[in-house]
Amino acid sequence: MNLTKLRARRHWYYPASHADMDRAESQLGYKLPRLLAVVYKFLGNGTVGADGTHESLQDLPILMPLEESVQLALSFAADPGLAGLFPFADFGCANWMCTKTGSDFVYRVSGEDVPFPIALDLEQWLVQFGEGWPSESHLRILCEAGHRDMARLMLTNGRLIERAKSLDRTNDDCDLNPHLQLTHIADQVVADVRSQGFSDSNREEVYLMWLTYEVFKAAPSPV
C-alpha cells in the first residue's frame, strides 16, 4: 500500500521506537501484524489533529497510541469472546477496530456485541482509512457479512456530515427558511444513500441522527 499517501492525509505522533514495540509485544504475549508494526514505527504512534492533541469527529476513526491499545487489549484478554483482539483504531462511543491473532481480518468491536469482520485484511482497512470513510469496499464488506443496517447508518452519517457543511447559516438572502433548509439537506442525504442501494433510507432517520449529533455536541464536558 502507499504509506506516503497515508502519511500525507493524517497528522501523526512521533513514531514508536523498537523498544516501544518490543515492550508492547512482551506485554501482549504475541507479535503485532507486520503492517501495523510498520505503521507504528515509520508513520507514527497514533494519529492526532492539527492542534496536536486529537482528531475531530469528522476525522474519525483515530489510530490509537500503542500504549493505549495495549492496555485495552489486556482488558479484552479477560473476556473469552475478545481474547486475542488488538484494538488499534477508535471510532468513539466504545467502537474499536481490531486485529486478531491467527486471523487476517480486521474486526469491529462495539460494547457487548460479538466482534464481526469489517475488512478482509489490515492493508484494505488502512487504504480506506487514508482515502475516506466509509469507502464503497467497506460498505460492501459490511453488507456481505450481514450487517446491512450498520452499513446504511455509516453511509448516512458520512453523507450527513458532508451535506451539513454546505448549510450556510449566515446567508440572510437564502430563499429557503431554516426548516426548509434542514428538510432540503435531509432529502439530499436520503437521495445519496438510496443511490447506493439502500432503498430503506428515510428522512426521519436522518433527522434523528442529526439531532443526536447536535445534542451531544452541545452537551457540557464531564467534570
Protein backbone atom coordinates (compact mmCIF):
# COMPACT_ATOMS: atom_id res chain seq x y z
CA MET A 1 0.00 0.00 0.00
CA ASN A 2 1.03 3.63 -0.41
CA LEU A 3 2.24 4.65 3.07
CA THR A 4 3.34 8.03 1.71
CA LYS A 5 -0.27 8.87 0.82
CA LEU A 6 -1.44 7.68 4.22
CA ARG A 7 1.19 9.84 5.91
CA ALA A 8 0.11 12.91 3.92
CA ARG A 9 -3.59 12.56 4.75
CA ARG A 10 -3.23 12.29 8.53
CA HIS A 11 -1.40 14.04 11.35
CA TRP A 12 0.84 11.70 13.33
CA TYR A 13 2.54 11.42 16.71
CA TYR A 14 6.27 10.69 16.71
CA PRO A 15 6.94 7.10 15.59
CA ALA A 16 7.18 4.31 18.15
CA SER A 17 10.71 3.07 18.86
CA HIS A 18 11.86 -0.53 18.55
CA ALA A 19 11.92 -0.61 22.36
CA ASP A 20 8.29 0.58 22.44
CA MET A 21 7.29 -2.23 20.08
CA ASP A 22 9.25 -4.88 21.99
CA ARG A 23 7.70 -3.77 25.28
CA ALA A 24 4.17 -3.80 23.82
CA GLU A 25 4.55 -7.25 22.30
CA SER A 26 6.09 -8.57 25.54
CA GLN A 27 3.06 -7.33 27.50
CA LEU A 28 0.65 -8.78 24.96
CA GLY A 29 2.40 -12.12 24.63
CA TYR A 30 2.16 -12.09 20.82
CA LYS A 31 3.54 -10.26 17.80
CA LEU A 32 1.57 -7.47 16.17
CA PRO A 33 0.78 -7.84 12.45
CA ARG A 34 3.81 -6.76 10.44
CA LEU A 35 1.99 -3.96 8.58
CA LEU A 36 0.60 -2.49 11.81
CA ALA A 37 4.10 -2.55 13.31
CA VAL A 38 5.37 -0.70 10.23
CA VAL A 39 2.69 1.97 10.68
CA TYR A 40 3.63 2.49 14.34
CA LYS A 41 7.39 2.52 13.71
CA PHE A 42 7.55 4.51 10.50
CA LEU A 43 4.43 6.69 10.35
CA GLY A 44 3.62 7.44 13.96
CA ASN A 45 2.42 6.17 17.31
CA GLY A 46 -1.20 7.07 16.61
CA THR A 47 -2.85 9.96 14.80
CA VAL A 48 -3.53 13.48 16.07
CA GLY A 49 -5.45 16.52 14.93
CA ALA A 50 -3.98 19.69 13.51
CA ASP A 51 -3.89 21.11 17.05
CA GLY A 52 -1.54 18.31 18.10
CA THR A 53 -3.93 16.65 20.54
CA HIS A 54 -6.69 14.62 18.93
CA GLU A 55 -8.70 14.36 15.76
CA SER A 56 -12.15 15.87 15.44
CA LEU A 57 -15.35 13.86 14.98
CA GLN A 58 -15.19 14.36 11.22
CA ASP A 59 -11.69 12.78 11.19
CA LEU A 60 -12.71 9.55 12.87
CA PRO A 61 -11.50 6.84 13.08
CA ILE A 62 -8.43 7.67 15.18
CA LEU A 63 -5.39 5.42 15.09
CA MET A 64 -4.74 4.83 18.79
CA PRO A 65 -1.42 5.30 20.60
CA LEU A 66 0.34 1.99 21.13
CA GLU A 67 0.29 2.17 24.93
CA GLU A 68 -3.47 2.81 24.98
CA SER A 69 -4.10 -0.07 22.59
CA VAL A 70 -2.04 -2.48 24.69
CA GLN A 71 -3.93 -1.64 27.89
CA LEU A 72 -7.28 -2.11 26.18
CA ALA A 73 -6.12 -5.38 24.60
CA LEU A 74 -5.08 -6.67 28.03
CA SER A 75 -8.55 -5.83 29.38
CA PHE A 76 -10.06 -7.71 26.41
CA ALA A 77 -7.98 -10.79 27.32
CA ALA A 78 -10.17 -11.40 30.38
CA ASP A 79 -13.18 -11.98 28.10
CA PRO A 80 -13.09 -15.27 26.13
CA GLY A 81 -15.01 -13.62 23.30
CA LEU A 82 -12.46 -10.80 22.96
CA ALA A 83 -9.19 -12.56 23.80
CA GLY A 84 -6.55 -12.12 21.10
CA LEU A 85 -8.09 -8.92 19.74
CA PHE A 86 -5.80 -5.90 19.47
CA PRO A 87 -7.70 -2.57 19.18
CA PHE A 88 -5.75 -0.16 17.02
CA ALA A 89 -8.37 2.37 15.87
CA ASP A 90 -11.07 4.21 17.81
CA PHE A 91 -14.42 5.30 16.35
CA GLY A 92 -15.58 6.79 19.64
CA CYS A 93 -18.53 5.62 21.75
CA ALA A 94 -16.82 2.29 22.60
CA ASN A 95 -16.30 1.28 18.97
CA TRP A 96 -12.90 -0.12 18.01
CA MET A 97 -11.23 -1.71 15.01
CA CYS A 98 -9.11 -4.71 15.97
CA THR A 99 -6.68 -7.21 14.54
CA LYS A 100 -6.82 -10.75 15.91
CA THR A 101 -4.14 -13.34 16.44
CA GLY A 102 -4.43 -16.13 13.87
CA SER A 103 -6.67 -14.13 11.52
CA ASP A 104 -6.13 -11.71 8.63
CA PHE A 105 -9.48 -9.98 9.14
CA VAL A 106 -9.99 -6.61 10.79
CA TYR A 107 -12.84 -6.81 13.31
CA ARG A 108 -15.20 -4.24 14.73
CA VAL A 109 -15.83 -4.41 18.49
CA SER A 110 -18.72 -2.41 19.92
CA GLY A 111 -19.86 -2.68 23.51
CA GLU A 112 -21.20 -6.15 24.21
CA ASP A 113 -21.77 -7.03 20.54
CA VAL A 114 -19.99 -10.03 19.07
CA PRO A 115 -16.92 -8.89 17.05
CA PHE A 116 -17.52 -9.07 13.32
CA PRO A 117 -15.18 -8.74 10.31
CA ILE A 118 -15.15 -5.31 8.74
CA ALA A 119 -12.24 -5.66 6.28
CA LEU A 120 -10.54 -8.62 4.65
CA ASP A 121 -7.14 -7.59 5.96
CA LEU A 122 -5.26 -4.71 7.55
CA GLU A 123 -3.98 -3.35 4.25
CA GLN A 124 -7.50 -2.97 2.90
CA TRP A 125 -8.59 -1.20 6.10
CA LEU A 126 -5.65 1.21 6.02
CA VAL A 127 -6.40 2.11 2.40
CA GLN A 128 -9.94 3.01 3.47
CA PHE A 129 -8.53 4.93 6.44
CA GLY A 130 -6.36 7.03 4.12
CA GLU A 131 -8.92 7.65 1.39
CA GLY A 132 -12.03 8.50 3.39
CA TRP A 133 -14.78 6.82 5.33
CA PRO A 134 -16.81 4.87 4.62
CA SER A 135 -15.50 3.59 1.29
CA GLU A 136 -17.56 1.58 -1.18
CA SER A 137 -15.49 -1.53 -0.48
CA HIS A 138 -16.08 -1.13 3.26
CA LEU A 139 -19.84 -0.87 2.76
CA ARG A 140 -19.81 -3.93 0.53
CA ILE A 141 -17.94 -5.96 3.15
CA LEU A 142 -20.46 -4.97 5.82
CA CYS A 143 -23.38 -5.96 3.60
CA GLU A 144 -21.81 -9.27 2.63
CA ALA A 145 -21.18 -10.01 6.32
CA GLY A 146 -24.88 -9.49 7.08
CA HIS A 147 -24.56 -6.03 8.62
CA ARG A 148 -26.54 -4.03 6.08
CA ASP A 149 -28.18 -1.75 8.66
CA MET A 150 -24.78 -0.76 10.04
CA ALA A 151 -23.57 -0.01 6.51
CA ARG A 152 -26.62 2.19 5.86
CA LEU A 153 -26.14 4.12 9.11
CA MET A 154 -22.43 4.68 8.49
CA LEU A 155 -23.11 5.88 4.95
CA THR A 156 -25.91 8.14 6.22
CA ASN A 157 -23.61 9.63 8.85
CA GLY A 158 -20.88 10.33 6.30
CA ARG A 159 -23.26 11.93 3.80
CA LEU A 160 -24.94 13.98 6.54
CA ILE A 161 -21.62 15.46 7.64
CA GLU A 162 -20.77 16.36 4.04
CA ARG A 163 -24.17 17.91 3.32
CA ALA A 164 -24.44 19.74 6.66
CA LYS A 165 -21.16 21.51 5.97
CA SER A 166 -22.82 23.15 2.97
CA LEU A 167 -25.56 24.67 5.13
CA ASP A 168 -24.91 28.42 5.15
CA ARG A 169 -26.39 29.67 8.40
CA THR A 170 -25.27 33.25 7.77
CA ASN A 171 -26.86 33.81 4.38
CA ASP A 172 -29.79 36.16 5.02
CA ASP A 173 -30.65 36.23 1.31
CA CYS A 174 -31.34 32.49 1.15
CA ASP A 175 -34.67 31.68 -0.49
CA LEU A 176 -35.39 28.87 1.98
CA ASN A 177 -36.40 29.33 5.59
CA PRO A 178 -34.38 27.35 8.20
CA HIS A 179 -36.90 24.50 8.34
CA LEU A 180 -36.88 24.08 4.59
CA GLN A 181 -33.07 24.20 4.53
CA LEU A 182 -32.93 21.30 7.00
CA THR A 183 -35.55 19.38 5.04
CA HIS A 184 -33.67 20.02 1.81
CA ILE A 185 -30.42 18.67 3.22
CA ALA A 186 -32.14 15.65 4.78
CA ASP A 187 -33.73 14.83 1.42
CA GLN A 188 -30.34 15.16 -0.29
CA VAL A 189 -28.81 12.72 2.22
CA VAL A 190 -31.66 10.26 1.67
CA ALA A 191 -31.18 10.50 -2.11
CA ASP A 192 -27.42 9.97 -1.73
CA VAL A 193 -27.90 6.87 0.43
CA ARG A 194 -30.65 5.42 -1.76
CA SER A 195 -28.42 5.85 -4.80
CA GLN A 196 -26.01 3.40 -3.15
CA GLY A 197 -28.72 0.73 -2.99
CA PHE A 198 -30.20 1.43 0.44
CA SER A 199 -33.83 2.00 -0.56
CA ASP A 200 -34.97 1.96 3.08
CA SER A 201 -33.17 5.23 3.86
CA ASN A 202 -35.64 7.83 5.13
CA ARG A 203 -35.85 11.44 6.27
CA GLU A 204 -36.80 10.54 9.87
CA GLU A 205 -33.61 8.52 10.33
CA VAL A 206 -31.52 11.44 9.06
CA TYR A 207 -33.30 13.88 11.38
CA LEU A 208 -32.72 11.61 14.39
CA MET A 209 -29.04 11.20 13.56
CA TRP A 210 -28.64 14.95 13.10
CA LEU A 211 -30.48 15.74 16.35
CA THR A 212 -28.38 13.19 18.27
CA TYR A 213 -25.17 14.72 16.95
CA GLU A 214 -26.26 18.26 17.86
CA VAL A 215 -27.33 17.20 21.37
CA PHE A 216 -24.01 15.50 22.09
CA LYS A 217 -22.07 18.39 20.57
CA ALA A 218 -23.85 20.87 22.86
CA ALA A 219 -23.56 18.75 26.00
CA PRO A 220 -21.09 20.03 28.62
CA SER A 221 -17.93 18.00 29.13
CA PRO A 222 -18.00 15.76 32.22
CA VAL A 223 -16.07 17.13 35.20
